[in-house]
Amino acid sequence: MYTVSDRFLDALCESHQVATEVVLFRTDGRVERLDHTGGSVTVDRGQATRRTCSVTLADTSLIPLTAIDKLSVYGAQLRISRGIRYADGSTEMVPVGLFRIDEVSGDRDEGPVTVSGKSLEAMVADDKFTAVTKVSGMAVAAITSLIQGTLPSATVVNRGTDVAIGPRVYDIEGDRWAAVVEIAAAMGAEVYTDADGVFIISELPDLLSVAPAWSITAGEGGAYISANRGMSLDGVYNAVLARGENTETDAPPVAALVIDDDPTSPTYWSGPFGHRAMFYSSATLTTVNACTSAATLKLRAARAPNASADITSLPNPALEPGDVIRVVYPDRTGELHQVQSFTVPLEPGGTFTLATISAREDA
């Protein structure tokens, strides 16, 4: 979760004044705030482009007529924030994303104007390889090189354990972002941009090994509104076999099978669920340890949907996908959930529903 004050978290569950901000970074270097009437930011760990935005404006003169107009789809960016304006007049803002502008449209006479954007993963994905590209060495350096090959000023932060990868050749027209994701998987990590537009390399936190980032509690003074709880077999696996074979090095093939070995898990490998394995292969995997790391990451997500929920609560813009939250229902039973996706409204009173990918009883 993005770092905020205790005062901020307390105020979320009380009557408060919402503050939102949309800042435009123009292609000519100028920066200005945009008056806006609404919109939203959707954050979804399951999408290659983790954040998307839609902002509503009243000023119809902002609809671009030429490539050099200020709301240009040729390089302009938006930074969007949501926060709280306290009774003493001070404001605490939380960034919810940095976006390139993808589309601007609206009724030229009456409006409104809608601006749509995507976070910076989309720029890397759009930059297909125009020459055969070979990467090797350490995973973090390879990821950083690929990202900064598109965005030279991009900041890349590693929160995982770096590993050596085998040589990997990507063909012309290949997807640069898919290459980044593949290399990250070799170190058991995922890559995404955070709310500040920084590229993060990180493992998905384990539900039971980290402290909850936020509590959603039913009753007076709590953020809980409602919950829709369910389970599904679709997309659920209890083992991952990761394999690597690199013809560039003539190294022998390597593989690792990682199973759900938790006897308390409903998808326990030796339990009534049976055996349901998924498979992953990549030339970047050249050691058993690398295969194990990649399989562990994928299993953590693959077995998670066995218990999911849609939790509707008061909006908390500081949350991130992967955060662990505690939910206390009206009957006072508690569960730990891991956040998959949510949408942050840019106006007061908007709905806020957290889709989660796993849940466990809160001991």
Protein backbone atom coordinates (compact mmCIF):
# COMPACT_ATOMS: atom_id res chain seq x y z
CA MET A 1 0.00 0.00 0.00
CA TYR A 2 1.17 3.49 -0.78
CA THR A 3 2.50 5.14 2.39
CA VAL A 4 -0.10 7.40 4.00
CA SER A 5 -0.59 8.82 7.49
CA ASP A 6 -2.69 7.20 10.21
CA ARG A 7 -4.80 10.34 10.03
CA PHE A 8 -5.57 9.54 6.39
CA LEU A 9 -6.67 5.97 7.13
CA ASP A 10 -8.83 7.10 10.04
CA ALA A 11 -10.47 9.80 7.93
CA LEU A 12 -11.42 7.29 5.21
CA CYS A 13 -13.99 5.80 7.56
CA GLU A 14 -15.43 9.16 8.59
CA SER A 15 -17.26 11.90 6.75
CA HIS A 16 -14.59 13.76 4.78
CA GLN A 17 -14.06 15.97 1.77
CA VAL A 18 -12.55 14.20 -1.24
CA ALA A 19 -9.78 15.99 -3.15
CA THR A 20 -8.71 14.94 -6.65
CA GLU A 21 -6.06 16.27 -8.97
CA VAL A 22 -5.28 15.73 -12.67
CA VAL A 23 -1.93 17.13 -13.81
CA LEU A 24 -1.10 17.39 -17.51
CA PHE A 25 2.48 17.03 -18.72
CA ARG A 26 2.52 18.60 -22.16
CA THR A 27 4.87 17.58 -24.94
CA ASP A 28 6.42 21.06 -24.90
CA GLY A 29 7.51 20.60 -21.28
CA ARG A 30 4.81 22.71 -19.68
CA VAL A 31 2.85 21.36 -16.71
CA GLU A 32 -0.68 22.37 -15.73
CA ARG A 33 -3.65 21.19 -13.71
CA LEU A 34 -6.82 20.24 -15.53
CA ASP A 35 -10.25 21.10 -14.21
CA HIS A 36 -12.24 17.88 -14.30
CA THR A 37 -15.76 16.78 -13.42
CA GLY A 38 -15.22 13.08 -12.81
CA GLY A 39 -13.60 9.90 -14.01
CA SER A 40 -11.92 6.83 -12.61
CA VAL A 41 -8.69 4.86 -12.46
CA THR A 42 -8.81 1.07 -12.79
CA VAL A 43 -5.96 -0.97 -11.34
CA ASP A 44 -5.80 -4.67 -12.27
CA ARG A 45 -2.94 -7.05 -11.57
CA GLY A 46 -4.31 -9.44 -14.20
CA GLN A 47 -3.71 -7.04 -17.10
CA ALA A 48 -0.42 -6.43 -18.89
CA THR A 49 -1.12 -2.70 -18.57
CA ARG A 50 -1.86 -2.52 -14.86
CA ARG A 51 -3.52 0.92 -14.74
CA THR A 52 -6.00 2.62 -17.05
CA CYS A 53 -7.78 5.93 -16.60
CA SER A 54 -10.81 7.82 -17.86
CA VAL A 55 -11.13 11.51 -17.00
CA THR A 56 -14.15 13.69 -17.76
CA LEU A 57 -13.67 17.37 -18.59
CA ALA A 58 -16.23 20.10 -19.24
CA ASP A 59 -14.08 22.35 -21.44
CA THR A 60 -14.80 21.39 -25.06
CA SER A 61 -11.91 23.54 -26.28
CA LEU A 62 -9.61 20.82 -24.98
CA ILE A 63 -10.64 18.43 -27.76
CA PRO A 64 -7.49 18.42 -29.91
CA LEU A 65 -7.73 19.52 -33.52
CA THR A 66 -4.02 19.25 -34.35
CA ALA A 67 -1.09 17.14 -33.23
CA ILE A 68 0.38 20.03 -31.24
CA ASP A 69 -2.70 20.79 -29.12
CA LYS A 70 -2.07 20.41 -25.40
CA LEU A 71 -4.13 17.23 -24.94
CA SER A 72 -2.02 15.49 -27.54
CA VAL A 73 -2.12 11.73 -28.05
CA TYR A 74 1.47 12.04 -29.31
CA GLY A 75 3.30 12.04 -26.02
CA ALA A 76 1.32 14.01 -23.40
CA GLN A 77 0.86 12.38 -20.00
CA LEU A 78 -1.47 12.66 -17.00
CA ARG A 79 -0.66 12.23 -13.33
CA ILE A 80 -3.80 11.54 -11.30
CA SER A 81 -4.19 11.70 -7.52
CA ARG A 82 -6.99 11.33 -5.00
CA GLY A 83 -6.85 12.38 -1.37
CA ILE A 84 -8.55 14.03 1.58
CA ARG A 85 -9.00 17.69 2.42
CA TYR A 86 -9.06 17.91 6.21
CA ALA A 87 -11.18 20.28 8.27
CA ASP A 88 -8.13 22.41 9.06
CA GLY A 89 -7.70 23.12 5.34
CA SER A 90 -4.68 20.85 4.78
CA THR A 91 -4.74 18.19 2.09
CA GLU A 92 -3.12 14.75 1.85
CA MET A 93 -2.95 13.42 -1.69
CA VAL A 94 -2.22 9.88 -2.93
CA PRO A 95 -1.07 9.26 -6.52
CA VAL A 96 -3.12 6.65 -8.39
CA GLY A 97 -1.19 6.55 -11.64
CA LEU A 98 0.92 8.13 -14.36
CA PHE A 99 -0.65 7.68 -17.79
CA ARG A 100 0.07 8.38 -21.40
CA ILE A 101 -2.93 9.90 -23.16
CA ASP A 102 -4.43 7.40 -25.59
CA GLU A 103 -7.65 9.09 -26.68
CA VAL A 104 -9.49 12.39 -26.34
CA SER A 105 -13.07 12.64 -27.59
CA GLY A 106 -16.39 14.34 -26.94
CA ASP A 107 -19.22 16.44 -28.33
CA ARG A 108 -17.46 19.50 -29.81
CA ASP A 109 -20.36 21.81 -28.95
CA GLU A 110 -21.78 20.55 -25.66
CA GLY A 111 -19.22 18.15 -24.19
CA PRO A 112 -18.31 16.44 -22.01
CA VAL A 113 -14.77 15.58 -23.05
CA THR A 114 -13.39 12.15 -22.13
CA VAL A 115 -9.66 11.53 -21.86
CA SER A 116 -8.49 7.90 -21.73
CA GLY A 117 -5.02 6.71 -20.86
CA LYS A 118 -2.82 3.74 -20.01
CA SER A 119 0.09 3.32 -17.63
CA LEU A 120 3.60 3.14 -19.00
CA GLU A 121 3.77 -0.62 -19.55
CA ALA A 122 1.77 0.11 -22.71
CA MET A 123 4.60 2.20 -24.13
CA VAL A 124 7.06 -0.65 -23.67
CA ALA A 125 4.60 -3.15 -25.20
CA ASP A 126 4.08 -0.90 -28.23
CA ASP A 127 7.84 -0.72 -28.85
CA LYS A 128 8.17 -3.99 -30.77
CA PHE A 129 11.67 -5.20 -31.58
CA THR A 130 12.86 -3.79 -34.90
CA ALA A 131 16.03 -5.88 -34.85
CA VAL A 132 16.92 -9.29 -33.49
CA THR A 133 17.70 -8.67 -29.80
CA LYS A 134 19.71 -10.89 -27.48
CA VAL A 135 19.74 -10.60 -23.70
CA SER A 136 21.73 -12.53 -21.13
CA GLY A 137 23.48 -12.06 -17.80
CA MET A 138 21.55 -10.97 -14.71
CA ALA A 139 17.77 -10.70 -14.87
CA VAL A 140 17.40 -7.22 -13.33
CA ALA A 141 19.96 -5.70 -15.71
CA ALA A 142 18.23 -7.32 -18.69
CA ILE A 143 14.80 -6.06 -17.59
CA THR A 144 16.15 -2.57 -16.98
CA SER A 145 17.84 -2.50 -20.37
CA LEU A 146 14.64 -3.51 -22.17
CA ILE A 147 12.50 -0.94 -20.35
CA GLN A 148 15.00 1.90 -20.73
CA GLY A 149 15.44 0.99 -24.38
CA THR A 150 11.92 2.42 -24.74
CA LEU A 151 11.90 4.94 -21.88
CA PRO A 152 15.50 6.06 -21.21
CA SER A 153 14.54 8.06 -18.10
CA ALA A 154 12.41 5.28 -16.56
CA THR A 155 13.19 4.28 -12.98
CA VAL A 156 13.33 0.51 -12.34
CA VAL A 157 13.27 -0.72 -8.72
CA ASN A 158 14.03 -4.33 -7.85
CA ARG A 159 12.41 -5.83 -4.75
CA GLY A 160 13.16 -9.45 -5.68
CA THR A 161 16.19 -11.71 -5.73
CA ASP A 162 18.29 -11.25 -8.85
CA VAL A 163 19.32 -14.37 -10.80
CA ALA A 164 21.42 -15.19 -13.83
CA ILE A 165 19.45 -16.00 -16.97
CA GLY A 166 20.39 -17.95 -20.05
CA PRO A 167 20.87 -16.13 -23.37
CA ARG A 168 17.52 -15.32 -24.95
CA VAL A 169 17.01 -14.10 -28.52
CA TYR A 170 13.89 -12.10 -29.43
CA ASP A 171 12.89 -11.82 -33.07
CA ILE A 172 11.86 -8.77 -35.05
CA GLU A 173 8.25 -7.77 -34.23
CA GLY A 174 8.53 -9.48 -30.84
CA ASP A 175 6.71 -7.98 -27.87
CA ARG A 176 9.19 -6.11 -25.68
CA TRP A 177 6.92 -6.12 -22.62
CA ALA A 178 6.32 -9.87 -22.96
CA ALA A 179 10.11 -10.26 -22.91
CA VAL A 180 10.29 -8.22 -19.70
CA VAL A 181 7.59 -10.38 -18.10
CA GLU A 182 9.34 -13.58 -19.20
CA ILE A 183 12.67 -12.55 -17.70
CA ALA A 184 11.01 -11.47 -14.45
CA ALA A 185 9.37 -14.89 -14.19
CA ALA A 186 12.85 -16.44 -14.17
CA MET A 187 13.47 -14.71 -10.84
CA GLY A 188 10.01 -15.55 -9.49
CA ALA A 189 8.78 -11.99 -9.87
CA GLU A 190 6.33 -9.81 -11.76
CA VAL A 191 6.89 -6.36 -13.27
CA TYR A 192 4.50 -3.40 -13.24
CA THR A 193 4.36 0.35 -12.85
CA ASP A 194 3.27 1.70 -9.49
CA ALA A 195 1.18 4.76 -8.75
CA ASP A 196 4.20 7.03 -9.34
CA GLY A 197 4.99 5.53 -12.73
CA VAL A 198 8.03 3.65 -11.38
CA PHE A 199 8.69 0.18 -12.80
CA ILE A 200 8.70 -2.35 -9.94
CA ILE A 201 10.15 -5.87 -10.02
CA SER A 202 8.60 -7.76 -7.12
CA GLU A 203 7.34 -11.10 -5.91
CA LEU A 204 3.63 -11.47 -5.18
CA PRO A 205 3.43 -11.39 -1.36
CA ASP A 206 2.32 -14.56 0.34
CA LEU A 207 -1.10 -14.17 1.95
CA LEU A 208 -0.04 -15.55 5.31
CA SER A 209 3.46 -14.12 5.59
CA VAL A 210 2.81 -10.36 5.50
CA ALA A 211 0.90 -8.06 7.81
CA PRO A 212 -2.43 -6.79 6.42
CA ALA A 213 -2.09 -3.37 4.83
CA TRP A 214 -5.63 -2.28 5.75
CA SER A 215 -8.66 -3.52 7.68
CA ILE A 216 -12.16 -3.31 6.25
CA THR A 217 -14.52 -3.66 9.19
CA ALA A 218 -18.31 -3.77 9.27
CA GLY A 219 -20.18 -1.53 11.65
CA GLU A 220 -19.79 2.00 12.93
CA GLY A 221 -16.42 3.51 12.14
CA GLY A 222 -15.62 0.80 9.61
CA ALA A 223 -15.14 0.91 5.82
CA TYR A 224 -17.16 -2.24 4.99
CA ILE A 225 -20.28 -1.91 2.82
CA SER A 226 -20.95 -5.37 1.36
CA ALA A 227 -19.27 -8.51 0.04
CA ASN A 228 -19.95 -11.09 -2.65
CA ARG A 229 -18.08 -14.29 -1.80
CA GLY A 230 -17.51 -17.30 -4.05
CA MET A 231 -15.32 -20.13 -5.27
CA SER A 232 -14.51 -21.36 -8.76
CA LEU A 233 -12.49 -24.20 -10.24
CA ASP A 234 -11.72 -22.26 -13.41
CA GLY A 235 -8.05 -21.41 -13.69
CA VAL A 236 -7.13 -23.27 -10.50
CA TYR A 237 -4.03 -25.48 -10.45
CA ASN A 238 -2.14 -27.08 -7.60
CA ALA A 239 1.22 -27.60 -9.28
CA VAL A 240 3.43 -25.89 -11.82
CA LEU A 241 6.13 -27.60 -13.86
CA ALA A 242 8.64 -25.02 -15.09
CA ARG A 243 11.15 -26.08 -17.73
CA GLY A 244 14.12 -24.47 -19.41
CA GLU A 245 16.18 -25.49 -22.41
CA ASN A 246 18.61 -23.05 -23.96
CA THR A 247 19.99 -23.98 -27.38
CA GLU A 248 22.32 -20.95 -27.30
CA THR A 249 24.43 -22.49 -24.53
CA ASP A 250 23.88 -26.20 -25.25
CA ALA A 251 23.17 -26.57 -21.54
CA PRO A 252 21.17 -29.64 -20.51
CA PRO A 253 17.42 -29.13 -19.99
CA VAL A 254 16.33 -28.24 -16.46
CA ALA A 255 12.96 -28.49 -14.76
CA ALA A 256 11.27 -28.11 -11.39
CA LEU A 257 7.84 -29.18 -10.21
CA VAL A 258 6.38 -27.04 -7.42
CA ILE A 259 3.25 -28.39 -5.76
CA ASP A 260 0.75 -27.07 -3.25
CA ASP A 261 2.19 -28.84 -0.21
CA ASP A 262 0.04 -27.07 2.39
CA PRO A 263 -2.18 -29.73 4.05
CA THR A 264 -4.65 -27.01 5.09
CA SER A 265 -5.10 -25.77 1.51
CA PRO A 266 -8.21 -26.87 -0.42
CA THR A 267 -5.93 -27.53 -3.41
CA TYR A 268 -3.41 -29.63 -1.45
CA TRP A 269 -1.54 -31.87 -3.90
CA SER A 270 -2.14 -34.98 -1.79
CA GLY A 271 -5.72 -34.08 -0.92
CA PRO A 272 -9.14 -34.75 -2.45
CA PHE A 273 -8.67 -32.03 -5.09
CA GLY A 274 -6.37 -34.41 -6.98
CA HIS A 275 -3.57 -33.42 -9.31
CA ARG A 276 -4.01 -30.48 -11.67
CA ALA A 277 -0.74 -29.13 -13.04
CA MET A 278 0.03 -26.22 -15.35
CA PHE A 279 3.19 -25.92 -17.43
CA TYR A 280 5.62 -23.09 -18.16
CA SER A 281 8.78 -23.08 -20.27
CA SER A 282 11.34 -20.42 -21.11
CA ALA A 283 14.86 -20.35 -22.50
CA THR A 284 15.78 -17.90 -19.73
CA LEU A 285 15.54 -20.74 -17.19
CA THR A 286 18.96 -22.40 -17.04
CA THR A 287 19.04 -23.77 -13.48
CA VAL A 288 16.76 -25.80 -11.28
CA ASN A 289 16.65 -22.90 -8.83
CA ALA A 290 15.42 -20.56 -11.57
CA CYS A 291 12.76 -23.07 -12.57
CA THR A 292 11.70 -23.38 -8.94
CA SER A 293 11.39 -19.61 -8.53
CA ALA A 294 9.34 -19.26 -11.70
CA ALA A 295 7.07 -22.16 -10.77
CA THR A 296 6.57 -20.83 -7.24
CA LEU A 297 5.42 -17.44 -8.52
CA LYS A 298 3.01 -18.94 -11.00
CA LEU A 299 1.61 -21.44 -8.50
CA ARG A 300 0.94 -18.67 -5.99
CA ALA A 301 -1.41 -17.08 -8.51
CA ALA A 302 -2.71 -20.31 -10.07
CA ARG A 303 -4.04 -21.77 -6.84
CA ALA A 304 -5.37 -18.45 -5.54
CA PRO A 305 -8.79 -18.33 -7.27
CA ASN A 306 -10.08 -21.24 -5.13
CA ALA A 307 -11.61 -18.55 -2.92
CA SER A 308 -12.40 -15.09 -4.22
CA ALA A 309 -14.55 -12.14 -3.28
CA ASP A 310 -15.78 -8.75 -4.37
CA ILE A 311 -15.56 -6.47 -1.36
CA THR A 312 -17.37 -3.14 -1.59
CA SER A 313 -15.98 -0.58 0.83
CA LEU A 314 -15.33 3.10 1.28
CA PRO A 315 -12.63 4.08 -1.25
CA ASN A 316 -8.98 3.75 -0.30
CA PRO A 317 -6.79 5.07 -3.16
CA ALA A 318 -3.58 4.00 -1.41
CA LEU A 319 -4.14 0.28 -2.02
CA GLU A 320 -2.10 -1.72 -4.53
CA PRO A 321 -2.82 -5.08 -6.20
CA GLY A 322 -1.17 -7.81 -4.15
CA ASP A 323 -1.87 -6.03 -0.87
CA VAL A 324 -3.23 -8.25 1.87
CA ILE A 325 -6.29 -6.83 3.61
CA ARG A 326 -8.30 -7.98 6.62
CA VAL A 327 -12.08 -8.09 6.19
CA VAL A 328 -14.34 -8.31 9.24
CA TYR A 329 -17.92 -9.16 8.27
CA PRO A 330 -21.09 -8.07 10.10
CA ASP A 331 -21.17 -11.40 11.99
CA ARG A 332 -17.66 -10.51 13.27
CA THR A 333 -15.94 -13.37 11.41
CA GLY A 334 -12.71 -12.29 9.76
CA GLU A 335 -10.80 -13.22 6.63
CA LEU A 336 -7.54 -12.25 4.98
CA HIS A 337 -7.85 -11.36 1.30
CA GLN A 338 -5.32 -10.51 -1.40
CA VAL A 339 -6.24 -7.65 -3.71
CA GLN A 340 -6.43 -8.34 -7.45
CA SER A 341 -8.16 -5.26 -8.86
CA PHE A 342 -10.22 -2.17 -8.04
CA THR A 343 -11.41 1.11 -9.52
CA VAL A 344 -10.74 4.45 -7.82
CA PRO A 345 -13.49 7.04 -8.51
CA LEU A 346 -12.47 10.63 -9.11
CA GLU A 347 -15.60 12.07 -7.56
CA PRO A 348 -17.17 11.83 -4.08
CA GLY A 349 -19.58 8.99 -3.47
CA GLY A 350 -18.24 6.70 -6.18
CA THR A 351 -18.35 2.95 -5.61
CA PHE A 352 -15.18 1.07 -4.69
CA THR A 353 -15.13 -2.70 -5.14
CA LEU A 354 -12.06 -4.78 -4.45
CA ALA A 355 -11.79 -8.03 -6.40
CA THR A 356 -9.59 -10.48 -4.49
CA ILE A 357 -7.72 -13.54 -5.70
CA SER A 358 -7.46 -15.52 -2.49
CA ALA A 359 -8.88 -15.65 0.99
CA ARG A 360 -8.07 -17.37 4.24
CA GLU A 361 -9.76 -17.36 7.61
CA ASP A 362 -8.15 -14.78 9.85
CA ALA A 363 -6.75 -16.62 12.84
